[in-house]
Amino acid sequence: LPMLNNRRVDEYLNRLGKKLAAAAPGEKYPYQFKCVNDASINAFALPGGFLYINRGTIEAADNEAELSGVVGHEIGHVALRHGTNQASKSYLAQAPLAILGAFMGNNSVAAILAQIGTSFAANSILLKYSRDDERQSDLMGAQILYDAGYDPSYVAKFFEKLDSKGRGSDFFSSHPNPDNRIQNINTEIRKLGSIPDNAMNDTREFQNIK
């Protein structure tokens, strides 16, 4: 990936991301956040909490709450172990190769890891979540924002902006757009309770970074 390699931007993303990750349920992974020097609107997460946010996502967000909605969504994928599930499926699919390797006297562990690594690179398997995965991460993202003190409605607002302007083609190619996405997020937000008057929408730091 063409990394932005801007320390100020990455430090900001880490501060924001770790604040959001603290509100995520489950395993407390050693989350890390980095900016990719790509103008397309996209972000993705690897198992264990390595998150990558495209420069275009920061540029497209109007405020910190919208960016937080995307980051919270990706944290949802990690917390819900979606990437780990995909990796497990790939491991099981390659299991016959390990058995064959054992018969032929090869190092089956090395062989299966090499095969899995190849399938990740060739098929981008970790980037191909199901619509159910996306729906779950949408709802988790809204919950994370609410618990972190942000207005969770910005999760829906950012996706609505991408959908209405046709700007989310890169994001939706790796994150399938579930049916009734906006409606489902707004329904979840209503279940969370009233949004506090002091809920955060934006910060001066976000605008400076942007």
Protein backbone atom coordinates (compact mmCIF):
# COMPACT_ATOMS: atom_id res chain seq x y z
CA LEU A 1 0.00 0.00 0.00
CA PRO A 2 1.19 3.57 -0.65
CA MET A 3 1.29 4.79 2.94
CA LEU A 4 0.96 8.50 3.64
CA ASN A 5 3.77 8.24 6.22
CA ASN A 6 2.75 11.49 7.88
CA ARG A 7 3.44 11.19 11.58
CA ARG A 8 0.98 13.91 12.57
CA VAL A 9 -1.88 12.27 10.66
CA ASP A 10 -1.11 8.77 11.96
CA GLU A 11 -0.83 10.03 15.55
CA TYR A 12 -4.21 11.72 15.19
CA LEU A 13 -5.78 8.55 13.78
CA ASN A 14 -4.28 6.52 16.62
CA ARG A 15 -5.66 8.87 19.26
CA LEU A 16 -9.09 8.87 17.67
CA GLY A 17 -9.06 5.14 16.94
CA LYS A 18 -7.95 4.06 20.40
CA LYS A 19 -10.60 6.28 21.98
CA LEU A 20 -13.22 4.51 19.88
CA ALA A 21 -11.68 1.06 20.40
CA ALA A 22 -11.90 1.56 24.17
CA ALA A 23 -15.70 1.55 23.73
CA ALA A 24 -15.68 -1.70 21.70
CA PRO A 25 -16.70 -4.95 23.37
CA GLY A 26 -14.70 -8.16 23.49
CA GLU A 27 -10.95 -8.67 23.26
CA LYS A 28 -8.83 -5.55 23.77
CA TYR A 29 -6.58 -5.90 20.77
CA PRO A 30 -3.44 -3.74 20.32
CA TYR A 31 -5.16 -1.53 17.75
CA GLN A 32 -3.02 0.45 15.33
CA PHE A 33 -4.26 3.03 12.81
CA LYS A 34 -2.45 4.27 9.72
CA CYS A 35 -3.32 6.49 6.76
CA VAL A 36 -3.05 5.19 3.19
CA ASN A 37 -2.11 7.77 0.54
CA ASP A 38 -5.06 6.99 -1.70
CA ALA A 39 -7.72 9.50 -2.77
CA SER A 40 -10.48 6.86 -2.97
CA ILE A 41 -12.91 6.57 -0.06
CA ASN A 42 -12.13 3.34 1.72
CA ALA A 43 -10.89 1.76 4.93
CA PHE A 44 -10.23 -1.77 6.05
CA ALA A 45 -9.23 -3.78 9.10
CA LEU A 46 -7.09 -6.87 9.55
CA PRO A 47 -7.56 -9.41 12.35
CA GLY A 48 -6.02 -8.23 15.60
CA GLY A 49 -6.74 -4.55 15.14
CA PHE A 50 -4.57 -3.22 12.30
CA LEU A 51 -6.72 -0.56 10.61
CA TYR A 52 -5.97 1.41 7.46
CA ILE A 53 -7.88 4.54 6.48
CA ASN A 54 -7.52 6.06 3.02
CA ARG A 55 -6.68 9.75 2.76
CA GLY A 56 -9.81 10.13 0.63
CA THR A 57 -11.98 9.10 3.57
CA ILE A 58 -10.60 11.92 5.71
CA GLU A 59 -11.06 14.37 2.84
CA ALA A 60 -14.66 13.25 2.24
CA ALA A 61 -15.70 13.51 5.90
CA ASP A 62 -17.21 16.86 6.89
CA ASN A 63 -16.41 16.43 10.58
CA GLU A 64 -14.76 14.11 13.08
CA ALA A 65 -18.01 12.29 13.84
CA GLU A 66 -18.32 11.17 10.19
CA LEU A 67 -14.72 9.91 10.18
CA SER A 68 -15.37 8.23 13.53
CA GLY A 69 -18.35 6.44 11.97
CA VAL A 70 -16.07 4.81 9.39
CA VAL A 71 -13.38 3.98 11.96
CA GLY A 72 -15.99 2.62 14.38
CA HIS A 73 -17.40 0.46 11.59
CA GLU A 74 -13.95 -1.04 10.95
CA ILE A 75 -13.38 -1.60 14.67
CA GLY A 76 -16.69 -3.46 14.60
CA HIS A 77 -15.25 -5.89 12.04
CA VAL A 78 -12.31 -6.57 14.37
CA ALA A 79 -14.38 -6.85 17.56
CA LEU A 80 -16.84 -9.20 15.83
CA ARG A 81 -13.92 -11.26 14.41
CA HIS A 82 -15.13 -11.08 10.83
CA GLY A 83 -11.62 -11.14 9.38
CA THR A 84 -10.63 -14.00 11.67
CA ASN A 85 -13.67 -15.94 10.46
CA GLN A 86 -12.61 -15.39 6.85
CA ALA A 87 -9.08 -16.57 7.67
CA SER A 88 -10.47 -19.69 9.35
CA LYS A 89 -12.55 -20.51 6.26
CA SER A 90 -9.45 -20.14 4.10
CA TYR A 91 -7.47 -22.40 6.46
CA LEU A 92 -10.13 -25.13 6.25
CA ALA A 93 -10.25 -24.82 2.47
CA GLN A 94 -6.48 -25.38 2.33
CA ALA A 95 -6.44 -28.26 4.85
CA PRO A 96 -6.31 -30.97 2.13
CA LEU A 97 -3.04 -29.41 0.92
CA ALA A 98 -1.53 -29.91 4.36
CA ILE A 99 -2.59 -33.56 4.38
CA LEU A 100 -1.11 -34.05 0.92
CA GLY A 101 2.09 -32.32 2.05
CA ALA A 102 2.40 -34.72 4.98
CA PHE A 103 2.16 -37.72 2.68
CA MET A 104 4.81 -36.27 0.41
CA GLY A 105 7.17 -35.47 3.27
CA ASN A 106 6.87 -31.69 2.97
CA ASN A 107 6.57 -29.29 5.87
CA SER A 108 2.78 -29.16 5.93
CA VAL A 109 2.58 -26.19 8.28
CA ALA A 110 4.84 -24.07 6.06
CA ALA A 111 2.99 -25.27 2.97
CA ILE A 112 -0.46 -24.38 4.26
CA LEU A 113 0.69 -20.95 5.47
CA ALA A 114 2.18 -20.28 2.05
CA GLN A 115 -1.06 -21.32 0.35
CA ILE A 116 -3.19 -19.18 2.66
CA GLY A 117 -0.88 -16.22 2.14
CA THR A 118 -1.23 -16.61 -1.61
CA SER A 119 -5.01 -16.74 -1.44
CA PHE A 120 -5.09 -13.59 0.71
CA ALA A 121 -2.94 -11.70 -1.78
CA ALA A 122 -4.69 -13.00 -4.89
CA ASN A 123 -8.30 -12.86 -3.77
CA SER A 124 -8.24 -10.15 -1.09
CA ILE A 125 -10.31 -12.54 0.99
CA LEU A 126 -10.13 -10.33 4.07
CA LEU A 127 -11.75 -7.48 2.19
CA LYS A 128 -14.78 -9.45 1.05
CA TYR A 129 -17.21 -9.29 3.93
CA SER A 130 -20.77 -10.52 3.64
CA ARG A 131 -23.79 -8.23 3.84
CA ASP A 132 -24.54 -9.72 7.25
CA ASP A 133 -21.01 -8.82 8.39
CA GLU A 134 -21.56 -5.27 7.12
CA ARG A 135 -24.91 -4.96 8.87
CA GLN A 136 -23.41 -6.14 12.16
CA SER A 137 -20.48 -3.72 11.87
CA ASP A 138 -22.83 -0.83 11.05
CA LEU A 139 -24.77 -1.45 14.27
CA MET A 140 -21.60 -2.00 16.29
CA GLY A 141 -20.13 1.22 14.87
CA ALA A 142 -23.19 3.20 15.98
CA GLN A 143 -22.94 1.70 19.47
CA ILE A 144 -19.22 2.48 19.68
CA LEU A 145 -19.78 6.12 18.70
CA TYR A 146 -22.59 6.50 21.23
CA ASP A 147 -20.49 5.03 24.06
CA ALA A 148 -17.47 7.15 23.06
CA GLY A 149 -19.52 10.34 23.35
CA TYR A 150 -20.16 11.05 19.65
CA ASP A 151 -23.46 11.58 17.91
CA PRO A 152 -24.03 8.12 16.33
CA SER A 153 -26.33 9.52 13.63
CA TYR A 154 -23.19 10.47 11.70
CA VAL A 155 -22.60 6.81 10.93
CA ALA A 156 -25.75 6.82 8.83
CA LYS A 157 -25.10 10.32 7.46
CA PHE A 158 -21.73 9.38 6.01
CA PHE A 159 -23.03 6.23 4.31
CA GLU A 160 -26.00 8.20 3.01
CA LYS A 161 -23.62 10.77 1.52
CA LEU A 162 -21.56 8.06 -0.18
CA ASP A 163 -24.67 6.35 -1.52
CA SER A 164 -26.43 9.46 -2.80
CA LYS A 165 -23.43 10.92 -4.61
CA GLY A 166 -22.12 7.63 -5.95
CA ARG A 167 -18.82 8.35 -4.21
CA GLY A 168 -18.62 5.11 -2.30
CA SER A 169 -17.88 2.72 -5.15
CA ASP A 170 -14.48 1.74 -3.72
CA PHE A 171 -15.85 1.37 -0.21
CA PHE A 172 -18.90 -0.60 -1.32
CA SER A 173 -16.81 -2.90 -3.54
CA SER A 174 -15.04 -4.23 -0.44
CA HIS A 175 -17.95 -3.58 1.94
CA PRO A 176 -21.16 -4.87 0.30
CA ASN A 177 -24.01 -2.42 0.80
CA PRO A 178 -26.69 -4.25 2.84
CA ASP A 179 -30.37 -3.64 2.17
CA ASN A 180 -31.97 -0.85 4.23
CA ARG A 181 -28.56 0.14 5.62
CA ILE A 182 -29.51 3.66 6.69
CA GLN A 183 -32.85 2.56 8.13
CA ASN A 184 -31.22 -0.23 10.15
CA ILE A 185 -28.60 2.11 11.60
CA ASN A 186 -31.21 4.70 12.55
CA THR A 187 -33.36 1.99 14.17
CA GLU A 188 -30.36 0.89 16.24
CA ILE A 189 -29.65 4.49 17.26
CA ARG A 190 -33.21 4.89 18.55
CA LYS A 191 -32.67 1.80 20.71
CA LEU A 192 -29.56 3.37 22.26
CA GLY A 193 -31.62 6.17 23.77
CA SER A 194 -31.63 9.92 23.41
CA ILE A 195 -28.47 11.54 22.07
CA PRO A 196 -26.94 13.81 24.75
CA ASP A 197 -26.91 17.52 23.98
CA ASN A 198 -23.14 17.58 24.49
CA ALA A 199 -22.45 14.70 22.06
CA MET A 200 -19.38 15.46 19.95
CA ASN A 201 -19.64 16.20 16.24
CA ASP A 202 -16.35 17.84 15.37
CA THR A 203 -12.99 19.00 16.68
CA ARG A 204 -10.53 21.64 15.57
CA GLU A 205 -7.86 18.93 15.34
CA PHE A 206 -9.85 17.04 12.71
CA GLN A 207 -10.22 20.16 10.58
CA ASN A 208 -6.49 20.87 10.90
CA ILE A 209 -5.60 17.31 9.92
CA LYS A 210 -8.01 17.43 6.99
